[in-house]
Amino acid sequence: MPMAADDIAAIIRDAIPDADVVITDLAGDGDHYAARVTSASFAGLSRVKQHKAVYAALGDRMGGVLHALQLTTVIA
């Protein structure tokens, strides 16, 4: 069963409380999303570490109930 966009955003916000999260369903199928995550907590982190922080928040959902996520991170 696919994840809802609102659920993805809530999970990310739980782990990164100051995050502004915008989720877009890329294919209209509830399986392929793009996420734009903006957070001041990304300051000083490489892009790879920023992405790892978001993927850590999603945990084992990635590759499971969340099939694909195109990720953009932005420092607030």
N, C-alpha and C. Protein backbone atom coordinates (compact mmCIF):
# COMPACT_ATOMS: atom_id res chain seq x y z
N MET A 1 0.85 -1.18 0.00
CA MET A 1 0.00 0.00 0.00
C MET A 1 0.89 1.25 0.00
N PRO A 2 0.66 2.17 -0.90
CA PRO A 2 1.46 3.40 -1.00
C PRO A 2 1.27 4.30 0.22
N MET A 3 2.22 5.19 0.41
CA MET A 3 2.12 6.19 1.48
C MET A 3 1.44 7.44 0.96
N ALA A 4 0.69 8.09 1.81
CA ALA A 4 0.08 9.37 1.47
C ALA A 4 1.11 10.48 1.61
N ALA A 5 1.03 11.48 0.77
CA ALA A 5 1.97 12.61 0.81
C ALA A 5 1.98 13.28 2.18
N ASP A 6 0.81 13.43 2.79
CA ASP A 6 0.74 14.06 4.11
C ASP A 6 1.47 13.24 5.16
N ASP A 7 1.44 11.93 5.04
CA ASP A 7 2.15 11.06 5.98
C ASP A 7 3.66 11.22 5.84
N ILE A 8 4.12 11.31 4.61
CA ILE A 8 5.55 11.49 4.37
C ILE A 8 6.02 12.81 4.99
N ALA A 9 5.27 13.87 4.74
CA ALA A 9 5.63 15.18 5.28
C ALA A 9 5.64 15.16 6.81
N ALA A 10 4.65 14.52 7.41
CA ALA A 10 4.57 14.46 8.87
C ALA A 10 5.75 13.71 9.47
N ILE A 11 6.15 12.62 8.85
CA ILE A 11 7.30 11.83 9.34
C ILE A 11 8.57 12.68 9.29
N ILE A 12 8.76 13.41 8.20
CA ILE A 12 9.95 14.25 8.07
C ILE A 12 9.91 15.36 9.11
N ARG A 13 8.76 15.99 9.30
CA ARG A 13 8.64 17.08 10.28
C ARG A 13 8.84 16.59 11.71
N ASP A 14 8.44 15.36 11.99
CA ASP A 14 8.66 14.80 13.32
C ASP A 14 10.16 14.71 13.63
N ALA A 15 10.96 14.34 12.64
CA ALA A 15 12.39 14.18 12.82
C ALA A 15 13.15 15.50 12.69
N ILE A 16 12.62 16.40 11.86
CA ILE A 16 13.27 17.70 11.61
C ILE A 16 12.20 18.77 11.86
N PRO A 17 11.99 19.12 13.14
CA PRO A 17 10.84 19.96 13.52
C PRO A 17 10.71 21.30 12.81
N ASP A 18 11.84 21.91 12.42
CA ASP A 18 11.73 23.22 11.77
C ASP A 18 11.57 23.12 10.25
N ALA A 19 11.45 21.91 9.75
CA ALA A 19 11.41 21.69 8.30
C ALA A 19 10.12 22.20 7.67
N ASP A 20 10.30 22.84 6.53
CA ASP A 20 9.18 23.15 5.64
C ASP A 20 9.25 22.08 4.57
N VAL A 21 8.19 21.28 4.47
CA VAL A 21 8.20 20.12 3.59
C VAL A 21 7.10 20.27 2.54
N VAL A 22 7.50 20.16 1.28
CA VAL A 22 6.54 20.19 0.17
C VAL A 22 6.69 18.87 -0.58
N ILE A 23 5.59 18.13 -0.66
CA ILE A 23 5.59 16.83 -1.32
C ILE A 23 4.77 16.93 -2.61
N THR A 24 5.32 16.40 -3.70
CA THR A 24 4.62 16.38 -4.98
C THR A 24 4.54 14.93 -5.46
N ASP A 25 3.34 14.50 -5.82
CA ASP A 25 3.16 13.16 -6.39
C ASP A 25 3.51 13.25 -7.87
N LEU A 26 4.62 12.67 -8.26
CA LEU A 26 5.14 12.83 -9.61
C LEU A 26 4.36 12.09 -10.68
N ALA A 27 3.81 10.93 -10.33
CA ALA A 27 3.16 10.10 -11.33
C ALA A 27 1.66 9.96 -11.10
N GLY A 28 1.17 10.53 -10.00
CA GLY A 28 -0.25 10.40 -9.69
C GLY A 28 -0.63 9.02 -9.20
N ASP A 29 0.39 8.23 -8.82
CA ASP A 29 0.10 6.85 -8.40
C ASP A 29 0.34 6.60 -6.91
N GLY A 30 0.74 7.65 -6.17
CA GLY A 30 0.98 7.49 -4.75
C GLY A 30 2.24 6.70 -4.44
N ASP A 31 3.08 6.46 -5.42
CA ASP A 31 4.31 5.68 -5.23
C ASP A 31 5.57 6.46 -5.59
N HIS A 32 5.44 7.50 -6.38
CA HIS A 32 6.60 8.24 -6.87
C HIS A 32 6.46 9.71 -6.49
N TYR A 33 7.25 10.12 -5.52
CA TYR A 33 7.12 11.47 -4.98
C TYR A 33 8.40 12.27 -5.15
N ALA A 34 8.24 13.59 -5.11
CA ALA A 34 9.35 14.51 -4.96
C ALA A 34 9.12 15.23 -3.64
N ALA A 35 10.20 15.45 -2.90
CA ALA A 35 10.11 16.18 -1.64
C ALA A 35 11.11 17.32 -1.67
N ARG A 36 10.65 18.49 -1.28
CA ARG A 36 11.54 19.65 -1.09
C ARG A 36 11.50 19.95 0.39
N VAL A 37 12.64 19.78 1.05
CA VAL A 37 12.73 19.95 2.50
C VAL A 37 13.66 21.12 2.78
N THR A 38 13.12 22.14 3.44
CA THR A 38 13.88 23.33 3.79
C THR A 38 14.02 23.38 5.30
N SER A 39 15.27 23.52 5.78
CA SER A 39 15.50 23.53 7.22
C SER A 39 16.78 24.28 7.56
N ALA A 40 16.75 25.04 8.64
CA ALA A 40 17.95 25.70 9.14
C ALA A 40 18.93 24.67 9.69
N SER A 41 18.44 23.51 10.09
CA SER A 41 19.32 22.48 10.64
C SER A 41 20.28 21.91 9.61
N PHE A 42 20.06 22.19 8.34
CA PHE A 42 20.95 21.73 7.28
C PHE A 42 22.21 22.59 7.16
N ALA A 43 22.23 23.74 7.82
CA ALA A 43 23.38 24.65 7.74
C ALA A 43 24.65 23.91 8.19
N GLY A 44 25.68 24.03 7.40
CA GLY A 44 26.95 23.41 7.73
C GLY A 44 27.06 21.95 7.33
N LEU A 45 25.98 21.37 6.83
CA LEU A 45 26.00 19.98 6.40
C LEU A 45 26.17 19.90 4.89
N SER A 46 26.90 18.91 4.44
CA SER A 46 27.00 18.68 3.00
C SER A 46 25.63 18.24 2.48
N ARG A 47 25.45 18.33 1.19
CA ARG A 47 24.19 17.90 0.58
C ARG A 47 23.92 16.43 0.90
N VAL A 48 24.96 15.61 0.89
CA VAL A 48 24.81 14.19 1.20
C VAL A 48 24.29 14.01 2.63
N LYS A 49 24.85 14.75 3.58
CA LYS A 49 24.39 14.63 4.98
C LYS A 49 22.97 15.16 5.15
N GLN A 50 22.62 16.18 4.40
CA GLN A 50 21.24 16.69 4.43
C GLN A 50 20.27 15.60 3.98
N HIS A 51 20.61 14.95 2.88
CA HIS A 51 19.76 13.90 2.34
C HIS A 51 19.70 12.71 3.30
N LYS A 52 20.84 12.37 3.89
CA LYS A 52 20.86 11.26 4.85
C LYS A 52 19.96 11.54 6.03
N ALA A 53 19.88 12.81 6.47
CA ALA A 53 19.01 13.17 7.58
C ALA A 53 17.54 12.91 7.23
N VAL A 54 17.17 13.25 6.01
CA VAL A 54 15.78 13.03 5.58
C VAL A 54 15.52 11.53 5.43
N TYR A 55 16.44 10.81 4.80
CA TYR A 55 16.25 9.37 4.63
C TYR A 55 16.23 8.65 5.97
N ALA A 56 17.02 9.12 6.94
CA ALA A 56 17.00 8.53 8.28
C ALA A 56 15.63 8.71 8.92
N ALA A 57 15.01 9.86 8.69
CA ALA A 57 13.67 10.11 9.23
C ALA A 57 12.67 9.11 8.65
N LEU A 58 12.82 8.78 7.39
CA LEU A 58 11.88 7.87 6.73
C LEU A 58 12.17 6.41 7.04
N GLY A 59 13.39 6.14 7.48
CA GLY A 59 13.76 4.80 7.92
C GLY A 59 13.52 3.73 6.88
N ASP A 60 13.01 2.60 7.33
CA ASP A 60 12.84 1.45 6.44
C ASP A 60 11.64 1.57 5.51
N ARG A 61 10.95 2.71 5.58
CA ARG A 61 9.85 2.94 4.63
C ARG A 61 10.38 3.10 3.21
N MET A 62 11.62 3.68 3.11
CA MET A 62 12.24 3.85 1.79
C MET A 62 12.50 2.48 1.17
N GLY A 63 12.05 2.33 -0.05
CA GLY A 63 12.21 1.05 -0.73
C GLY A 63 11.15 0.05 -0.35
N GLY A 64 10.33 0.41 0.63
CA GLY A 64 9.22 -0.45 1.05
C GLY A 64 7.91 0.20 0.63
N VAL A 65 7.19 0.76 1.63
CA VAL A 65 5.92 1.42 1.31
C VAL A 65 6.14 2.71 0.53
N LEU A 66 7.32 3.28 0.64
CA LEU A 66 7.66 4.47 -0.14
C LEU A 66 8.63 4.03 -1.23
N HIS A 67 8.10 3.88 -2.42
CA HIS A 67 8.85 3.28 -3.52
C HIS A 67 9.96 4.19 -4.04
N ALA A 68 9.66 5.45 -4.31
CA ALA A 68 10.64 6.35 -4.91
C ALA A 68 10.45 7.76 -4.39
N LEU A 69 11.56 8.42 -4.08
CA LEU A 69 11.52 9.79 -3.59
C LEU A 69 12.64 10.60 -4.23
N GLN A 70 12.25 11.60 -5.00
CA GLN A 70 13.20 12.56 -5.56
C GLN A 70 13.35 13.64 -4.50
N LEU A 71 14.55 13.85 -3.99
CA LEU A 71 14.75 14.71 -2.83
C LEU A 71 15.56 15.94 -3.16
N THR A 72 15.06 17.09 -2.72
CA THR A 72 15.78 18.36 -2.79
C THR A 72 15.81 18.92 -1.38
N THR A 73 17.01 19.27 -0.91
CA THR A 73 17.12 19.90 0.40
C THR A 73 17.64 21.32 0.23
N VAL A 74 17.15 22.22 1.11
CA VAL A 74 17.49 23.62 1.03
C VAL A 74 17.76 24.12 2.45
N ILE A 75 18.80 24.92 2.59
CA ILE A 75 19.11 25.52 3.89
C ILE A 75 18.25 26.77 4.06
N ALA A 76 17.53 26.83 5.17
CA ALA A 76 16.65 27.97 5.44
C ALA A 76 17.46 29.17 5.90
